[in-house]
């Protein structure tokens, strides 16, 4: 189950949606009422800028609350559902499952430790072979994995070189011909089934 959006992400998303709304229109007669209130206050006594700011603030707060468009809630819920379906590996590291994060940390720490040891030994004048031997001693499973990979590569190379060149190139040509036939049949079927409709 994918994680839902955090409250902070939800708040940012809703804030972006609200900022995308068209500018708010003042109710009819608001400007005239505000102007009359300001003139009445200034006629009674001289106001400081702070008092005038408080008066305007009070008048603006008396406006009725703005109604959200009918589509806003649906768009927000749709976006929340869309983000819930995004795979964890397409999200930031904090959304990864705990076992994957732990494995990533172990592998990263292992590679970093091997690099530090290797650079240290090289800086002390050790040869590349000695550095490889020292790192391989600490990472025995990596050595076995590298040996197995080398065996697979050598075996595959030996198999490929033992194939007569006529058979090898003939097989490649056959595969290319089958691929071209498949693409041609697919294009023809597409034109026949969908383009005619």
Protein backbone atom coordinates (compact mmCIF):
# COMPACT_ATOMS: atom_id res chain seq x y z
CA UNK A 1 0.00 0.00 0.00
CA UNK A 2 1.53 3.31 -1.02
CA UNK A 3 1.73 6.07 1.54
CA UNK A 4 -0.68 8.97 1.35
CA UNK A 5 0.53 12.56 1.09
CA UNK A 6 1.88 14.08 4.26
CA UNK A 7 -0.11 16.97 5.76
CA UNK A 8 2.57 19.42 4.59
CA UNK A 9 2.40 18.12 1.00
CA UNK A 10 -1.40 18.24 1.08
CA UNK A 11 -1.32 21.80 2.39
CA UNK A 12 1.12 22.86 -0.36
CA UNK A 13 -1.01 21.19 -3.04
CA UNK A 14 -4.22 22.86 -1.80
CA UNK A 15 -2.38 26.20 -1.55
CA UNK A 16 -1.27 25.86 -5.21
CA UNK A 17 -4.83 25.02 -6.26
CA UNK A 18 -6.23 28.03 -4.39
CA UNK A 19 -3.61 30.34 -5.90
CA UNK A 20 -4.67 29.15 -9.36
CA UNK A 21 -8.22 30.42 -8.78
CA UNK A 22 -9.22 33.63 -10.57
CA UNK A 23 -8.92 36.88 -8.55
CA UNK A 24 -11.72 37.59 -6.11
CA UNK A 25 -14.25 40.23 -7.09
CA UNK A 26 -15.46 42.57 -4.35
CA UNK A 27 -19.23 42.61 -3.77
CA UNK A 28 -21.20 45.37 -5.44
CA UNK A 29 -21.01 48.62 -3.49
CA UNK A 30 -18.01 47.59 -1.38
CA UNK A 31 -15.70 50.30 -2.71
CA UNK A 32 -18.33 53.01 -2.11
CA UNK A 33 -18.93 51.78 1.46
CA UNK A 34 -15.19 51.65 2.16
CA UNK A 35 -14.67 55.13 0.75
CA UNK A 36 -17.59 56.49 2.84
CA UNK A 37 -16.23 54.86 6.01
CA UNK A 38 -12.75 56.29 5.39
CA UNK A 39 -14.15 59.78 4.71
CA UNK A 40 -16.34 59.64 7.83
CA UNK A 41 -13.35 58.70 9.95
CA UNK A 42 -11.06 61.31 8.45
CA UNK A 43 -13.76 64.02 8.76
CA UNK A 44 -14.15 63.28 12.48
CA UNK A 45 -10.46 63.36 13.31
CA UNK A 46 -7.14 62.93 11.62
CA UNK A 47 -6.09 59.31 11.54
CA UNK A 48 -2.61 57.90 11.69
CA UNK A 49 -1.57 55.41 9.01
CA UNK A 50 -1.89 52.59 11.58
CA UNK A 51 -5.50 53.54 12.40
CA UNK A 52 -6.36 53.76 8.70
CA UNK A 53 -4.78 50.35 8.15
CA UNK A 54 -6.87 48.87 10.99
CA UNK A 55 -10.04 50.40 9.53
CA UNK A 56 -9.38 48.96 6.07
CA UNK A 57 -8.46 45.62 7.61
CA UNK A 58 -11.72 45.55 9.57
CA UNK A 59 -13.73 46.39 6.46
CA UNK A 60 -11.99 43.69 4.44
CA UNK A 61 -12.60 41.11 7.18
CA UNK A 62 -16.30 41.95 7.10
CA UNK A 63 -16.52 40.65 3.52
CA UNK A 64 -18.38 37.34 3.21
CA UNK A 65 -16.11 34.27 2.96
CA UNK A 66 -15.18 33.25 -0.54
CA UNK A 67 -16.74 30.05 -1.83
CA UNK A 68 -14.42 27.57 -3.47
CA UNK A 69 -15.29 26.51 -7.01
CA UNK A 70 -17.30 23.30 -7.24
CA UNK A 71 -14.44 21.56 -9.05
CA UNK A 72 -11.78 22.30 -6.40
CA UNK A 73 -12.65 19.43 -4.06
CA UNK A 74 -12.81 16.93 -6.92
CA UNK A 75 -9.44 18.11 -8.28
CA UNK A 76 -7.80 17.85 -4.84
CA UNK A 77 -9.18 14.35 -4.22
CA UNK A 78 -8.17 13.23 -7.71
CA UNK A 79 -4.62 14.47 -7.14
CA UNK A 80 -4.43 12.71 -3.78
CA UNK A 81 -5.55 9.44 -5.38
CA UNK A 82 -3.09 9.90 -8.26
CA UNK A 83 -0.19 10.44 -5.88
CA UNK A 84 -1.22 7.38 -3.85
CA UNK A 85 -0.85 5.20 -6.97
CA UNK A 86 2.70 6.35 -7.77
CA UNK A 87 5.19 3.53 -7.22
CA UNK A 88 7.58 3.96 -4.28
CA UNK A 89 10.67 3.90 -6.52
CA UNK A 90 9.38 6.98 -8.37
CA UNK A 91 9.15 8.92 -5.10
CA UNK A 92 11.81 10.43 -2.90
CA UNK A 93 13.96 8.24 -0.65
CA UNK A 94 11.79 8.89 2.41
CA UNK A 95 8.89 7.01 0.75
CA UNK A 96 10.91 3.85 0.08
CA UNK A 97 9.97 0.79 2.17
CA UNK A 98 12.10 0.38 5.28
CA UNK A 99 13.82 -2.88 4.15
CA UNK A 100 14.85 -1.30 0.83
CA UNK A 101 16.19 1.78 2.62
CA UNK A 102 18.14 -0.44 5.02
CA UNK A 103 19.60 -2.48 2.16
CA UNK A 104 20.51 0.71 0.30
CA UNK A 105 22.26 2.06 3.40
CA UNK A 106 24.21 -1.20 3.88
CA UNK A 107 25.30 -1.35 0.24
CA UNK A 108 26.16 2.36 0.20
CA UNK A 109 28.16 2.12 3.43
CA UNK A 110 29.99 -0.95 2.11
CA UNK A 111 30.96 0.74 -1.14
CA UNK A 112 32.02 3.90 0.71
CA UNK A 113 34.14 1.87 3.17
CA UNK A 114 35.80 -0.05 0.32
CA UNK A 115 36.57 3.22 -1.48
CA UNK A 116 38.05 4.78 1.67
CA UNK A 117 40.22 1.71 2.35
CA UNK A 118 41.31 1.57 -1.28
CA UNK A 119 42.28 5.26 -1.43
CA UNK A 120 44.08 5.00 1.89
CA UNK A 121 46.14 2.00 0.76
CA UNK A 122 46.93 3.66 -2.56
CA UNK A 123 48.05 6.82 -0.76
CA UNK A 124 50.41 4.69 1.37
CA UNK A 125 52.12 3.40 -1.77
CA UNK A 126 50.39 0.06 -2.13
CA UNK A 127 49.99 -1.42 -5.58
CA UNK A 128 46.61 -1.86 -7.23
CA UNK A 129 46.89 -5.64 -6.79
CA UNK A 130 47.50 -5.27 -3.05
CA UNK A 131 44.56 -2.90 -2.73
CA UNK A 132 42.33 -5.33 -4.60
CA UNK A 133 43.54 -8.19 -2.39
CA UNK A 134 42.90 -6.19 0.81
CA UNK A 135 39.42 -5.10 -0.24
CA UNK A 136 38.61 -8.61 -1.47
CA UNK A 137 39.63 -10.06 1.90
CA UNK A 138 37.11 -7.84 3.66
CA UNK A 139 34.43 -8.40 1.06
CA UNK A 140 34.59 -12.15 0.39
CA UNK A 141 31.08 -12.33 -1.04
CA UNK A 142 31.95 -9.61 -3.54
CA UNK A 143 34.99 -11.63 -4.61
CA UNK A 144 32.83 -14.71 -5.17
CA UNK A 145 30.29 -12.63 -7.08
CA UNK A 146 33.01 -11.12 -9.28
CA UNK A 147 34.50 -14.58 -9.89
CA UNK A 148 31.11 -15.97 -10.87
CA UNK A 149 30.51 -13.00 -13.19
CA UNK A 150 33.94 -13.50 -14.79
CA UNK A 151 33.21 -17.22 -15.28
CA UNK A 152 29.86 -16.41 -16.97
CA UNK A 153 31.52 -13.83 -19.26
CA UNK A 154 34.38 -16.19 -20.17
CA UNK A 155 32.00 -19.11 -20.75
CA UNK A 156 29.72 -16.97 -22.94
CA UNK A 157 32.72 -15.69 -24.89
CA UNK A 158 33.99 -19.22 -25.41
CA UNK A 159 30.55 -20.39 -26.59
CA UNK A 160 30.22 -17.51 -29.03
CA UNK A 161 33.74 -17.98 -30.44
CA UNK A 162 33.12 -21.72 -30.91
CA UNK A 163 30.07 -21.04 -33.13
CA UNK A 164 31.03 -21.07 -36.82
CA UNK A 165 30.88 -17.57 -38.26
CA UNK A 166 28.43 -18.63 -40.98
CA UNK A 167 25.97 -19.89 -38.35
CA UNK A 168 26.48 -16.85 -36.14
CA UNK A 169 25.87 -14.27 -38.86
CA UNK A 170 23.12 -16.38 -40.38
CA UNK A 171 21.36 -16.50 -36.99
CA UNK A 172 21.67 -12.73 -36.62
CA UNK A 173 20.27 -12.23 -40.11
CA UNK A 174 17.38 -14.60 -39.33
CA UNK A 175 16.55 -12.71 -36.12
CA UNK A 176 16.70 -9.38 -37.98
CA UNK A 177 14.40 -10.73 -40.72
CA UNK A 178 11.90 -12.03 -38.16
CA UNK A 179 11.95 -8.69 -36.33
CA UNK A 180 11.36 -6.76 -39.56
CA UNK A 181 8.51 -9.15 -40.47
CA UNK A 182 6.91 -8.65 -37.07
CA UNK A 183 7.13 -4.85 -37.34
CA UNK A 184 5.73 -4.95 -40.88
CA UNK A 185 2.81 -7.18 -39.89
CA UNK A 186 2.08 -4.99 -36.88
CA UNK A 187 2.06 -1.81 -38.99
CA UNK A 188 -0.17 -3.43 -41.59
CA UNK A 189 -2.60 -4.66 -38.94
CA UNK A 190 -2.70 -1.22 -37.36
CA UNK A 191 -3.46 0.48 -40.66
CA UNK A 192 -6.12 -2.06 -41.53
CA UNK A 193 -7.87 -2.15 -38.13
CA UNK A 194 -7.56 1.37 -36.74
CA UNK A 195 -6.74 3.83 -39.51
CA UNK A 196 -9.78 2.81 -41.58
CA UNK A 197 -12.13 3.53 -38.67
